[in-house]
Amino acid sequence: MTVNLNRKGYEHARKLIRDGDVVRDERDDWSEHAPDAAEENRFVDKNGWGEFSEWHLGVDDEASEETKGRFSFPYGDFKKIHRCAVISAESRASQHNHDDIRKVLGELMELIDEEKK
């Protein structure tokens, strides 16, 4: 499994921040705020895999294109980017040596924190 930075997801996250579509929640809130499998399935059924991919910063090019397993490092709830999701993803990226993804997550966190000032 080779997970690479999903540039489309990164650009989408930056746009959400620019547009103010941010939930400034706390570090451990992601387990409660993350979409569950049923919500993910409804989103894919309604919007397709292309839009689903935009909500993730990692993509495994070796995985089948139309599977949720292809995408990793989610950062939002299909409406807004969540600060807690960025924190959680940054921690996981660091643990698994995904330095390029960790770096952009750090950049997103800085943007989120700058926007709230």
PDB file of N, CA and C in Angstrom:
ATOM      1  N   MET A   1       0.849  -1.178   0.000  1.00  0.00           N
ATOM      2  CA  MET A   1       0.000   0.000   0.000  1.00  0.00           C
ATOM      3  C   MET A   1       0.895   1.242   0.000  1.00  0.00           C
ATOM      4  N   THR A   2       0.703   2.071  -0.991  1.00  0.00           N
ATOM      5  CA  THR A   2       1.446   3.319  -1.094  1.00  0.00           C
ATOM      6  C   THR A   2       0.458   4.471  -1.066  1.00  0.00           C
ATOM      7  N   VAL A   3       0.476   5.210   0.016  1.00  0.00           N
ATOM      8  CA  VAL A   3      -0.435   6.351   0.149  1.00  0.00           C
ATOM      9  C   VAL A   3       0.319   7.620  -0.230  1.00  0.00           C
ATOM     10  N   ASN A   4      -0.252   8.351  -1.171  1.00  0.00           N
ATOM     11  CA  ASN A   4       0.328   9.605  -1.641  1.00  0.00           C
ATOM     12  C   ASN A   4      -0.602  10.756  -1.320  1.00  0.00           C
ATOM     13  N   LEU A   5      -0.044  11.955  -1.372  1.00  0.00           N
ATOM     14  CA  LEU A   5      -0.840  13.153  -1.164  1.00  0.00           C
ATOM     15  C   LEU A   5      -1.871  13.291  -2.277  1.00  0.00           C
ATOM     16  N   ASN A   6      -3.100  13.527  -1.898  1.00  0.00           N
ATOM     17  CA  ASN A   6      -4.190  13.771  -2.827  1.00  0.00           C
ATOM     18  C   ASN A   6      -4.290  15.293  -3.012  1.00  0.00           C
ATOM     19  N   ARG A   7      -3.683  15.799  -4.067  1.00  0.00           N
ATOM     20  CA  ARG A   7      -3.640  17.247  -4.314  1.00  0.00           C
ATOM     21  C   ARG A   7      -5.046  17.842  -4.443  1.00  0.00           C
ATOM     22  N   LYS A   8      -5.945  17.090  -5.052  1.00  0.00           N
ATOM     23  CA  LYS A   8      -7.324  17.558  -5.199  1.00  0.00           C
ATOM     24  C   LYS A   8      -7.965  17.780  -3.825  1.00  0.00           C
ATOM     25  N   GLY A   9      -7.711  16.865  -2.916  1.00  0.00           N
ATOM     26  CA  GLY A   9      -8.226  16.994  -1.554  1.00  0.00           C
ATOM     27  C   GLY A   9      -7.603  18.177  -0.826  1.00  0.00           C
ATOM     28  N   TYR A  10      -6.305  18.367  -1.044  1.00  0.00           N
ATOM     29  CA  TYR A  10      -5.597  19.478  -0.416  1.00  0.00           C
ATOM     30  C   TYR A  10      -6.155  20.820  -0.898  1.00  0.00           C
ATOM     31  N   GLU A  11      -6.342  20.959  -2.190  1.00  0.00           N
ATOM     32  CA  GLU A  11      -6.892  22.205  -2.738  1.00  0.00           C
ATOM     33  C   GLU A  11      -8.320  22.452  -2.240  1.00  0.00           C
ATOM     34  N   HIS A  12      -9.096  21.386  -2.127  1.00  0.00           N
ATOM     35  CA  HIS A  12     -10.465  21.512  -1.618  1.00  0.00           C
ATOM     36  C   HIS A  12     -10.449  21.982  -0.165  1.00  0.00           C
ATOM     37  N   ALA A  13      -9.560  21.432   0.637  1.00  0.00           N
ATOM     38  CA  ALA A  13      -9.454  21.831   2.046  1.00  0.00           C
ATOM     39  C   ALA A  13      -9.078  23.303   2.159  1.00  0.00           C
ATOM     40  N   ARG A  14      -8.135  23.748   1.349  1.00  0.00           N
ATOM     41  CA  ARG A  14      -7.721  25.159   1.370  1.00  0.00           C
ATOM     42  C   ARG A  14      -8.894  26.073   0.991  1.00  0.00           C
ATOM     43  N   LYS A  15      -9.665  25.650   0.010  1.00  0.00           N
ATOM     44  CA  LYS A  15     -10.826  26.447  -0.411  1.00  0.00           C
ATOM     45  C   LYS A  15     -11.853  26.537   0.718  1.00  0.00           C
ATOM     46  N   LEU A  16     -12.089  25.431   1.402  1.00  0.00           N
ATOM     47  CA  LEU A  16     -13.038  25.449   2.514  1.00  0.00           C
ATOM     48  C   LEU A  16     -12.595  26.449   3.579  1.00  0.00           C
ATOM     49  N   ILE A  17     -11.306  26.461   3.877  1.00  0.00           N
ATOM     50  CA  ILE A  17     -10.787  27.384   4.883  1.00  0.00           C
ATOM     51  C   ILE A  17     -10.954  28.821   4.402  1.00  0.00           C
ATOM     52  N   ARG A  18     -10.586  29.084   3.158  1.00  0.00           N
ATOM     53  CA  ARG A  18     -10.737  30.443   2.598  1.00  0.00           C
ATOM     54  C   ARG A  18     -12.185  30.914   2.658  1.00  0.00           C
ATOM     55  N   ASP A  19     -13.108  29.976   2.407  1.00  0.00           N
ATOM     56  CA  ASP A  19     -14.533  30.318   2.392  1.00  0.00           C
ATOM     57  C   ASP A  19     -15.157  30.365   3.791  1.00  0.00           C
ATOM     58  N   GLY A  20     -14.372  30.020   4.810  1.00  0.00           N
ATOM     59  CA  GLY A  20     -14.880  30.036   6.185  1.00  0.00           C
ATOM     60  C   GLY A  20     -15.684  28.814   6.564  1.00  0.00           C
ATOM     61  N   ASP A  21     -15.591  27.757   5.774  1.00  0.00           N
ATOM     62  CA  ASP A  21     -16.330  26.527   6.059  1.00  0.00           C
ATOM     63  C   ASP A  21     -15.498  25.634   6.980  1.00  0.00           C
ATOM     64  N   VAL A  22     -15.358  26.097   8.230  1.00  0.00           N
ATOM     65  CA  VAL A  22     -14.480  25.454   9.208  1.00  0.00           C
ATOM     66  C   VAL A  22     -15.229  25.255  10.518  1.00  0.00           C
ATOM     67  N   VAL A  23     -15.047  24.086  11.122  1.00  0.00           N
ATOM     68  CA  VAL A  23     -15.523  23.842  12.477  1.00  0.00           C
ATOM     69  C   VAL A  23     -14.281  23.839  13.358  1.00  0.00           C
ATOM     70  N   ARG A  24     -14.218  24.784  14.269  1.00  0.00           N
ATOM     71  CA  ARG A  24     -13.048  24.928  15.154  1.00  0.00           C
ATOM     72  C   ARG A  24     -13.312  24.167  16.445  1.00  0.00           C
ATOM     73  N   ASP A  25     -13.304  22.868  16.327  1.00  0.00           N
ATOM     74  CA  ASP A  25     -13.591  22.006  17.457  1.00  0.00           C
ATOM     75  C   ASP A  25     -12.302  21.620  18.170  1.00  0.00           C
ATOM     76  N   GLU A  26     -12.446  20.817  19.189  1.00  0.00           N
ATOM     77  CA  GLU A  26     -11.314  20.442  20.029  1.00  0.00           C
ATOM     78  C   GLU A  26     -10.654  19.154  19.547  1.00  0.00           C
ATOM     79  N   ARG A  27      -9.462  18.940  20.005  1.00  0.00           N
ATOM     80  CA  ARG A  27      -8.589  17.853  19.582  1.00  0.00           C
ATOM     81  C   ARG A  27      -9.285  16.493  19.489  1.00  0.00           C
ATOM     82  N   ASP A  28     -10.008  16.100  20.505  1.00  0.00           N
ATOM     83  CA  ASP A  28     -10.548  14.735  20.561  1.00  0.00           C
ATOM     84  C   ASP A  28     -11.979  14.605  20.044  1.00  0.00           C
ATOM     85  N   ASP A  29     -12.491  15.609  19.378  1.00  0.00           N
ATOM     86  CA  ASP A  29     -13.875  15.584  18.916  1.00  0.00           C
ATOM     87  C   ASP A  29     -14.096  14.773  17.638  1.00  0.00           C
ATOM     88  N   TRP A  30     -13.053  14.429  16.917  1.00  0.00           N
ATOM     89  CA  TRP A  30     -13.222  13.794  15.610  1.00  0.00           C
ATOM     90  C   TRP A  30     -13.965  12.470  15.696  1.00  0.00           C
ATOM     91  N   SER A  31     -13.759  11.707  16.764  1.00  0.00           N
ATOM     92  CA  SER A  31     -14.463  10.422  16.871  1.00  0.00           C
ATOM     93  C   SER A  31     -15.981  10.624  16.887  1.00  0.00           C
ATOM     94  N   GLU A  32     -16.430  11.765  17.385  1.00  0.00           N
ATOM     95  CA  GLU A  32     -17.867  12.062  17.403  1.00  0.00           C
ATOM     96  C   GLU A  32     -18.329  12.778  16.135  1.00  0.00           C
ATOM     97  N   HIS A  33     -17.440  13.522  15.491  1.00  0.00           N
ATOM     98  CA  HIS A  33     -17.828  14.345  14.345  1.00  0.00           C
ATOM     99  C   HIS A  33     -17.616  13.668  12.988  1.00  0.00           C
ATOM    100  N   ALA A  34     -16.807  12.630  12.965  1.00  0.00           N
ATOM    101  CA  ALA A  34     -16.504  11.950  11.705  1.00  0.00           C
ATOM    102  C   ALA A  34     -17.748  11.269  11.135  1.00  0.00           C
ATOM    103  N   PRO A  35     -17.939  11.351   9.830  1.00  0.00           N
ATOM    104  CA  PRO A  35     -19.063  10.639   9.217  1.00  0.00           C
ATOM    105  C   PRO A  35     -18.916   9.126   9.429  1.00  0.00           C
ATOM    106  N   ASP A  36     -20.033   8.473   9.692  1.00  0.00           N
ATOM    107  CA  ASP A  36     -19.979   7.014   9.824  1.00  0.00           C
ATOM    108  C   ASP A  36     -20.098   6.378   8.435  1.00  0.00           C
ATOM    109  N   ALA A  37     -19.999   5.066   8.390  1.00  0.00           N
ATOM    110  CA  ALA A  37     -20.001   4.349   7.105  1.00  0.00           C
ATOM    111  C   ALA A  37     -21.270   4.632   6.300  1.00  0.00           C
ATOM    112  N   ALA A  38     -22.404   4.698   6.963  1.00  0.00           N
ATOM    113  CA  ALA A  38     -23.670   4.963   6.254  1.00  0.00           C
ATOM    114  C   ALA A  38     -23.673   6.363   5.642  1.00  0.00           C
ATOM    115  N   GLU A  39     -23.154   7.346   6.376  1.00  0.00           N
ATOM    116  CA  GLU A  39     -23.077   8.708   5.836  1.00  0.00           C
ATOM    117  C   GLU A  39     -22.124   8.759   4.644  1.00  0.00           C
ATOM    118  N   GLU A  40     -21.011   8.048   4.750  1.00  0.00           N
ATOM    119  CA  GLU A  40     -20.076   7.989   3.625  1.00  0.00           C
ATOM    120  C   GLU A  40     -20.746   7.374   2.401  1.00  0.00           C
ATOM    121  N   ASN A  41     -21.457   6.277   2.604  1.00  0.00           N
ATOM    122  CA  ASN A  41     -22.129   5.601   1.496  1.00  0.00           C
ATOM    123  C   ASN A  41     -23.167   6.507   0.831  1.00  0.00           C
ATOM    124  N   ARG A  42     -23.945   7.220   1.641  1.00  0.00           N
ATOM    125  CA  ARG A  42     -24.943   8.138   1.085  1.00  0.00           C
ATOM    126  C   ARG A  42     -24.257   9.239   0.277  1.00  0.00           C
ATOM    127  N   PHE A  43     -23.135   9.753   0.787  1.00  0.00           N
ATOM    128  CA  PHE A  43     -22.411  10.799   0.069  1.00  0.00           C
ATOM    129  C   PHE A  43     -21.915  10.290  -1.278  1.00  0.00           C
ATOM    130  N   VAL A  44     -21.335   9.086  -1.289  1.00  0.00           N
ATOM    131  CA  VAL A  44     -20.832   8.518  -2.549  1.00  0.00           C
ATOM    132  C   VAL A  44     -21.988   8.287  -3.516  1.00  0.00           C
ATOM    133  N   ASP A  45     -23.104   7.745  -3.017  1.00  0.00           N
ATOM    134  CA  ASP A  45     -24.262   7.495  -3.886  1.00  0.00           C
ATOM    135  C   ASP A  45     -24.780   8.793  -4.511  1.00  0.00           C
ATOM    136  N   LYS A  46     -24.778   9.860  -3.743  1.00  0.00           N
ATOM    137  CA  LYS A  46     -25.323  11.134  -4.215  1.00  0.00           C
ATOM    138  C   LYS A  46     -24.316  11.916  -5.065  1.00  0.00           C
ATOM    139  N   ASN A  47     -23.024  11.885  -4.690  1.00  0.00           N
ATOM    140  CA  ASN A  47     -22.032  12.782  -5.290  1.00  0.00           C
ATOM    141  C   ASN A  47     -20.932  12.097  -6.095  1.00  0.00           C
ATOM    142  N   GLY A  48     -20.776  10.808  -5.930  1.00  0.00           N
ATOM    143  CA  GLY A  48     -19.764  10.065  -6.679  1.00  0.00           C
ATOM    144  C   GLY A  48     -18.409  10.012  -5.988  1.00  0.00           C
ATOM    145  N   TRP A  49     -17.549   9.177  -6.554  1.00  0.00           N
ATOM    146  CA  TRP A  49     -16.225   8.941  -5.979  1.00  0.00           C
ATOM    147  C   TRP A  49     -15.302  10.147  -6.125  1.00  0.00           C
ATOM    148  N   GLY A  50     -15.479  10.910  -7.179  1.00  0.00           N
ATOM    149  CA  GLY A  50     -14.636  12.085  -7.375  1.00  0.00           C
ATOM    150  C   GLY A  50     -14.774  13.086  -6.241  1.00  0.00           C
ATOM    151  N   GLU A  51     -16.012  13.378  -5.870  1.00  0.00           N
ATOM    152  CA  GLU A  51     -16.230  14.320  -4.764  1.00  0.00           C
ATOM    153  C   GLU A  51     -15.851  13.694  -3.431  1.00  0.00           C
ATOM    154  N   PHE A  52     -16.066  12.390  -3.276  1.00  0.00           N
ATOM    155  CA  PHE A  52     -15.645  11.708  -2.045  1.00  0.00           C
ATOM    156  C   PHE A  52     -14.140  11.859  -1.851  1.00  0.00           C
ATOM    157  N   SER A  53     -13.391  11.726  -2.936  1.00  0.00           N
ATOM    158  CA  SER A  53     -11.929  11.812  -2.842  1.00  0.00           C
ATOM    159  C   SER A  53     -11.474  13.191  -2.375  1.00  0.00           C
ATOM    160  N   GLU A  54     -12.245  14.226  -2.706  1.00  0.00           N
ATOM    161  CA  GLU A  54     -11.868  15.586  -2.326  1.00  0.00           C
ATOM    162  C   GLU A  54     -11.866  15.809  -0.823  1.00  0.00           C
ATOM    163  N   TRP A  55     -12.466  14.925  -0.069  1.00  0.00           N
ATOM    164  CA  TRP A  55     -12.542  15.050   1.387  1.00  0.00           C
ATOM    165  C   TRP A  55     -11.455  14.249   2.094  1.00  0.00           C
ATOM    166  N   HIS A  56     -10.443  13.829   1.331  1.00  0.00           N
ATOM    167  CA  HIS A  56      -9.340  13.027   1.876  1.00  0.00           C
ATOM    168  C   HIS A  56      -8.006  13.552   1.357  1.00  0.00           C
ATOM    169  N   LEU A  57      -6.999  13.502   2.212  1.00  0.00           N
ATOM    170  CA  LEU A  57      -5.679  13.980   1.810  1.00  0.00           C
ATOM    171  C   LEU A  57      -4.758  12.862   1.365  1.00  0.00           C
ATOM    172  N   GLY A  58      -5.156  11.618   1.560  1.00  0.00           N
ATOM    173  CA  GLY A  58      -4.348  10.494   1.125  1.00  0.00           C
ATOM    174  C   GLY A  58      -5.078   9.660   0.095  1.00  0.00           C
ATOM    175  N   VAL A  59      -4.326   9.163  -0.884  1.00  0.00           N
ATOM    176  CA  VAL A  59      -4.896   8.286  -1.899  1.00  0.00           C
ATOM    177  C   VAL A  59      -3.907   7.157  -2.162  1.00  0.00           C
ATOM    178  N   ASP A  60      -4.435   5.936  -2.201  1.00  0.00           N
ATOM    179  CA  ASP A  60      -3.635   4.757  -2.509  1.00  0.00           C
ATOM    180  C   ASP A  60      -3.911   4.390  -3.961  1.00  0.00           C
ATOM    181  N   ASP A  61      -2.985   4.738  -4.839  1.00  0.00           N
ATOM    182  CA  ASP A  61      -3.173   4.508  -6.272  1.00  0.00           C
ATOM    183  C   ASP A  61      -3.201   3.025  -6.640  1.00  0.00           C
ATOM    184  N   GLU A  62      -2.790   2.167  -5.721  1.00  0.00           N
ATOM    185  CA  GLU A  62      -2.812   0.732  -5.987  1.00  0.00           C
ATOM    186  C   GLU A  62      -4.165   0.109  -5.643  1.00  0.00           C
ATOM    187  N   ALA A  63      -4.993   0.798  -4.886  1.00  0.00           N
ATOM    188  CA  ALA A  63      -6.307   0.280  -4.493  1.00  0.00           C
ATOM    189  C   ALA A  63      -7.321   0.540  -5.607  1.00  0.00           C
ATOM    190  N   SER A  64      -8.357  -0.266  -5.636  1.00  0.00           N
ATOM    191  CA  SER A  64      -9.419  -0.088  -6.627  1.00  0.00           C
ATOM    192  C   SER A  64      -9.990   1.320  -6.551  1.00  0.00           C
ATOM    193  N   GLU A  65     -10.290   1.879  -7.713  1.00  0.00           N
ATOM    194  CA  GLU A  65     -10.712   3.274  -7.780  1.00  0.00           C
ATOM    195  C   GLU A  65     -12.014   3.560  -7.057  1.00  0.00           C
ATOM    196  N   GLU A  66     -12.949   2.668  -7.089  1.00  0.00           N
ATOM    197  CA  GLU A  66     -14.253   2.940  -6.503  1.00  0.00           C
ATOM    198  C   GLU A  66     -14.442   2.162  -5.204  1.00  0.00           C
ATOM    199  N   THR A  67     -13.505   2.382  -4.281  1.00  0.00           N
ATOM    200  CA  THR A  67     -13.603   1.801  -2.945  1.00  0.00           C
ATOM    201  C   THR A  67     -13.180   2.846  -1.922  1.00  0.00           C
ATOM    202  N   LYS A  68     -13.791   2.790  -0.761  1.00  0.00           N
ATOM    203  CA  LYS A  68     -13.418   3.724   0.296  1.00  0.00           C
ATOM    204  C   LYS A  68     -11.996   3.457   0.768  1.00  0.00           C
ATOM    205  N   GLY A  69     -11.508   2.231   0.628  1.00  0.00           N
ATOM    206  CA  GLY A  69     -10.159   1.887   1.041  1.00  0.00           C
ATOM    207  C   GLY A  69      -9.080   2.600   0.246  1.00  0.00           C
ATOM    208  N   ARG A  70      -9.438   3.184  -0.858  1.00  0.00           N
ATOM    209  CA  ARG A  70      -8.475   3.920  -1.686  1.00  0.00           C
ATOM    210  C   ARG A  70      -8.086   5.258  -1.033  1.00  0.00           C
ATOM    211  N   PHE A  71      -8.953   5.773  -0.166  1.00  0.00           N
ATOM    212  CA  PHE A  71      -8.776   7.110   0.377  1.00  0.00           C
ATOM    213  C   PHE A  71      -8.518   7.081   1.879  1.00  0.00           C
ATOM    214  N   SER A  72      -7.651   7.979   2.331  1.00  0.00           N
ATOM    215  CA  SER A  72      -7.323   8.056   3.758  1.00  0.00           C
ATOM    216  C   SER A  72      -7.105   9.510   4.160  1.00  0.00           C
ATOM    217  N   PHE A  73      -6.963   9.706   5.429  1.00  0.00           N
ATOM    218  CA  PHE A  73      -6.766  11.033   6.011  1.00  0.00           C
ATOM    219  C   PHE A  73      -7.923  11.984   5.699  1.00  0.00           C
ATOM    220  N   PRO A  74      -9.142  11.600   6.148  1.00  0.00           N
ATOM    221  CA  PRO A  74     -10.287  12.495   5.975  1.00  0.00           C
ATOM    222  C   PRO A  74     -10.123  13.726   6.859  1.00  0.00           C
ATOM    223  N   TYR A  75     -10.698  14.838   6.426  1.00  0.00           N
ATOM    224  CA  TYR A  75     -10.547  16.065   7.196  1.00  0.00           C
ATOM    225  C   TYR A  75     -11.856  16.818   7.414  1.00  0.00           C
ATOM    226  N   GLY A  76     -12.969  16.226   7.054  1.00  0.00           N
ATOM    227  CA  GLY A  76     -14.230  16.938   7.236  1.00  0.00           C
ATOM    228  C   GLY A  76     -15.435  16.032   7.171  1.00  0.00           C
ATOM    229  N   ASP A  77     -16.600  16.673   7.275  1.00  0.00           N
ATOM    230  CA  ASP A  77     -17.871  15.935   7.357  1.00  0.00           C
ATOM    231  C   ASP A  77     -18.716  16.069   6.090  1.00  0.00           C
ATOM    232  N   PHE A  78     -18.080  16.378   4.960  1.00  0.00           N
ATOM    233  CA  PHE A  78     -18.726  16.578   3.658  1.00  0.00           C
ATOM    234  C   PHE A  78     -19.458  17.917   3.556  1.00  0.00           C
ATOM    235  N   LYS A  79     -19.283  18.751   4.586  1.00  0.00           N
ATOM    236  CA  LYS A  79     -19.822  20.106   4.544  1.00  0.00           C
ATOM    237  C   LYS A  79     -18.733  21.105   4.912  1.00  0.00           C
ATOM    238  N   LYS A  80     -17.983  20.779   5.970  1.00  0.00           N
ATOM    239  CA  LYS A  80     -16.959  21.676   6.492  1.00  0.00           C
ATOM    240  C   LYS A  80     -15.719  20.891   6.883  1.00  0.00           C
ATOM    241  N   ILE A  81     -14.578  21.599   6.874  1.00  0.00           N
ATOM    242  CA  ILE A  81     -13.346  21.025   7.394  1.00  0.00           C
ATOM    243  C   ILE A  81     -13.399  21.139   8.917  1.00  0.00           C
ATOM    244  N   HIS A  82     -12.936  20.115   9.607  1.00  0.00           N
ATOM    245  CA  HIS A  82     -12.930  20.098  11.066  1.00  0.00           C
ATOM    246  C   HIS A  82     -11.499  20.177  11.575  1.00  0.00           C
ATOM    247  N   ARG A  83     -11.267  21.097  12.471  1.00  0.00           N
ATOM    248  CA  ARG A  83      -9.942  21.259  13.070  1.00  0.00           C
ATOM    249  C   ARG A  83      -9.508  19.951  13.742  1.00  0.00           C
ATOM    250  N   CYS A  84     -10.437  19.290  14.435  1.00  0.00           N
ATOM    251  CA  CYS A  84     -10.102  18.044  15.129  1.00  0.00           C
ATOM    252  C   CYS A  84      -9.695  16.946  14.151  1.00  0.00           C
ATOM    253  N   ALA A  85     -10.267  16.935  12.955  1.00  0.00           N
ATOM    254  CA  ALA A  85      -9.896  15.942  11.947  1.00  0.00           C
ATOM    255  C   ALA A  85      -8.489  16.193  11.441  1.00  0.00           C
ATOM    256  N   VAL A  86      -8.132  17.472  11.276  1.00  0.00           N
ATOM    257  CA  VAL A  86      -6.785  17.821  10.827  1.00  0.00           C
ATOM    258  C   VAL A  86      -5.763  17.397  11.876  1.00  0.00           C
ATOM    259  N   ILE A  87      -6.075  17.638  13.144  1.00  0.00           N
ATOM    260  CA  ILE A  87      -5.170  17.229  14.221  1.00  0.00           C
ATOM    261  C   ILE A  87      -5.004  15.716  14.228  1.00  0.00           C
ATOM    262  N   SER A  88      -6.101  14.994  14.141  1.00  0.00           N
ATOM    263  CA  SER A  88      -6.063  13.535  14.153  1.00  0.00           C
ATOM    264  C   SER A  88      -5.278  12.987  12.968  1.00  0.00           C
ATOM    265  N   ALA A  89      -5.531  13.537  11.800  1.00  0.00           N
ATOM    266  CA  ALA A  89      -4.841  13.070  10.594  1.00  0.00           C
ATOM    267  C   ALA A  89      -3.350  13.384  10.653  1.00  0.00           C
ATOM    268  N   GLU A  90      -3.007  14.546  11.188  1.00  0.00           N
ATOM    269  CA  GLU A  90      -1.593  14.913  11.288  1.00  0.00           C
ATOM    270  C   GLU A  90      -0.852  13.930  12.198  1.00  0.00           C
ATOM    271  N   SER A  91      -1.478  13.538  13.276  1.00  0.00           N
ATOM    272  CA  SER A  91      -0.881  12.564  14.193  1.00  0.00           C
ATOM    273  C   SER A  91      -0.680  11.216  13.506  1.00  0.00           C
ATOM    274  N   ARG A  92      -1.702  10.746  12.792  1.00  0.00           N
ATOM    275  CA  ARG A  92      -1.589   9.462  12.081  1.00  0.00           C
ATOM    276  C   ARG A  92      -0.553   9.516  10.971  1.00  0.00           C
ATOM    277  N   ALA A  93      -0.508  10.627  10.244  1.00  0.00           N
ATOM    278  CA  ALA A  93       0.478  10.767   9.167  1.00  0.00           C
ATOM    279  C   ALA A  93       1.890  10.709   9.733  1.00  0.00           C
ATOM    280  N   SER A  94       2.089  11.337  10.861  1.00  0.00           N
ATOM    281  CA  SER A  94       3.402  11.323  11.505  1.00  0.00           C
ATOM    282  C   SER A  94       3.767   9.916  11.963  1.00  0.00           C
ATOM    283  N   GLN A  95       2.828   9.217  12.579  1.00  0.00           N
ATOM    284  CA  GLN A  95       3.067   7.850  13.064  1.00  0.00           C
ATOM    285  C   GLN A  95       3.439   6.895  11.943  1.00  0.00           C
ATOM    286  N   HIS A  96       2.894   7.114  10.753  1.00  0.00           N
ATOM    287  CA  HIS A  96       3.101   6.190   9.637  1.00  0.00           C
ATOM    288  C   HIS A  96       4.057   6.736   8.574  1.00  0.00           C
ATOM    289  N   ASN A  97       4.795   7.767   8.949  1.00  0.00           N
ATOM    290  CA  ASN A  97       5.841   8.333   8.088  1.00  0.00           C
ATOM    291  C   ASN A  97       5.339   8.830   6.727  1.00  0.00           C
ATOM    292  N   HIS A  98       4.169   9.422   6.719  1.00  0.00           N
ATOM    293  CA  HIS A  98       3.647  10.065   5.510  1.00  0.00           C
ATOM    294  C   HIS A  98       3.985  11.552   5.616  1.00  0.00           C
ATOM    295  N   ASP A  99       5.253  11.857   5.409  1.00  0.00           N
ATOM    296  CA  ASP A  99       5.751  13.207   5.670  1.00  0.00           C
ATOM    297  C   ASP A  99       5.110  14.276   4.790  1.00  0.00           C
ATOM    298  N   ASP A 100       4.840  13.949   3.522  1.00  0.00           N
ATOM    299  CA  ASP A 100       4.221  14.944   2.649  1.00  0.00           C
ATOM    300  C   ASP A 100       2.807  15.284   3.112  1.00  0.00           C
ATOM    301  N   ILE A 101       2.082  14.287   3.574  1.00  0.00           N
ATOM    302  CA  ILE A 101       0.726  14.510   4.067  1.00  0.00           C
ATOM    303  C   ILE A 101       0.775  15.233   5.404  1.00  0.00           C
ATOM    304  N   ARG A 102       1.676  14.842   6.278  1.00  0.00           N
ATOM    305  CA  ARG A 102       1.838  15.509   7.565  1.00  0.00           C
ATOM    306  C   ARG A 102       2.141  16.996   7.369  1.00  0.00           C
ATOM    307  N   LYS A 103       2.993  17.288   6.394  1.00  0.00           N
ATOM    308  CA  LYS A 103       3.376  18.674   6.131  1.00  0.00           C
ATOM    309  C   LYS A 103       2.163  19.513   5.717  1.00  0.00           C
ATOM    310  N   VAL A 104       1.350  19.024   4.792  1.00  0.00           N
ATOM    311  CA  VAL A 104       0.200  19.820   4.353  1.00  0.00           C
ATOM    312  C   VAL A 104      -0.855  19.924   5.455  1.00  0.00           C
ATOM    313  N   LEU A 105      -0.957  18.911   6.289  1.00  0.00           N
ATOM    314  CA  LEU A 105      -1.885  19.006   7.418  1.00  0.00           C
ATOM    315  C   LEU A 105      -1.443  20.100   8.381  1.00  0.00           C
ATOM    316  N   GLY A 106      -0.138  20.217   8.589  1.00  0.00           N
ATOM    317  CA  GLY A 106       0.376  21.304   9.411  1.00  0.00           C
ATOM    318  C   GLY A 106       0.061  22.663   8.798  1.00  0.00           C
ATOM    319  N   GLU A 107       0.187  22.754   7.478  1.00  0.00           N
ATOM    320  CA  GLU A 107      -0.144  24.002   6.788  1.00  0.00           C
ATOM    321  C   GLU A 107      -1.631  24.326   6.936  1.00  0.00           C
ATOM    322  N   LEU A 108      -2.475  23.310   6.801  1.00  0.00           N
ATOM    323  CA  LEU A 108      -3.914  23.527   6.955  1.00  0.00           C
ATOM    324  C   LEU A 108      -4.240  24.000   8.373  1.00  0.00           C
ATOM    325  N   MET A 109      -3.583  23.409   9.365  1.00  0.00           N
ATOM    326  CA  MET A 109      -3.819  23.807  10.752  1.00  0.00           C
ATOM    327  C   MET A 109      -3.445  25.274  10.949  1.00  0.00           C
ATOM    328  N   GLU A 110      -2.319  25.687  10.379  1.00  0.00           N
ATOM    329  CA  GLU A 110      -1.913  27.089  10.486  1.00  0.00           C
ATOM    330  C   GLU A 110      -2.958  28.004   9.841  1.00  0.00           C
ATOM    331  N   LEU A 111      -3.452  27.612   8.679  1.00  0.00           N
ATOM    332  CA  LEU A 111      -4.487  28.418   8.014  1.00  0.00           C
ATOM    333  C   LEU A 111      -5.755  28.512   8.839  1.00  0.00           C
ATOM    334  N   ILE A 112      -6.164  27.391   9.413  1.00  0.00           N
ATOM    335  CA  ILE A 112      -7.361  27.382  10.246  1.00  0.00           C
ATOM    336  C   ILE A 112      -7.173  28.304  11.441  1.00  0.00           C
ATOM    337  N   ASP A 113      -6.038  28.196  12.105  1.00  0.00           N
ATOM    338  CA  ASP A 113      -5.795  29.010  13.296  1.00  0.00           C
ATOM    339  C   ASP A 113      -5.612  30.480  12.948  1.00  0.00           C
ATOM    340  N   GLU A 114      -5.040  30.787  11.789  1.00  0.00           N
ATOM    341  CA  GLU A 114      -4.912  32.181  11.363  1.00  0.00           C
ATOM    342  C   GLU A 114      -6.283  32.799  11.074  1.00  0.00           C
ATOM    343  N   GLU A 115      -7.162  32.025  10.456  1.00  0.00           N
ATOM    344  CA  GLU A 115      -8.475  32.535  10.056  1.00  0.00           C
ATOM    345  C   GLU A 115      -9.341  32.888  11.259  1.00  0.00           C
ATOM    346  N   LYS A 116      -9.100  32.255  12.394  1.00  0.00           N
ATOM    347  CA  LYS A 116      -9.966  32.537  13.540  1.00  0.00           C
ATOM    348  C   LYS A 116      -9.554  33.779  14.303  1.00  0.00           C
ATOM    349  N   LYS A 117      -8.393  34.343  13.990  1.00  0.00           N
ATOM    350  CA  LYS A 117      -7.923  35.550  14.689  1.00  0.00           C
ATOM    351  C   LYS A 117      -8.696  36.767  14.239  1.00  0.00           C
TER     352      LYS A 117
END
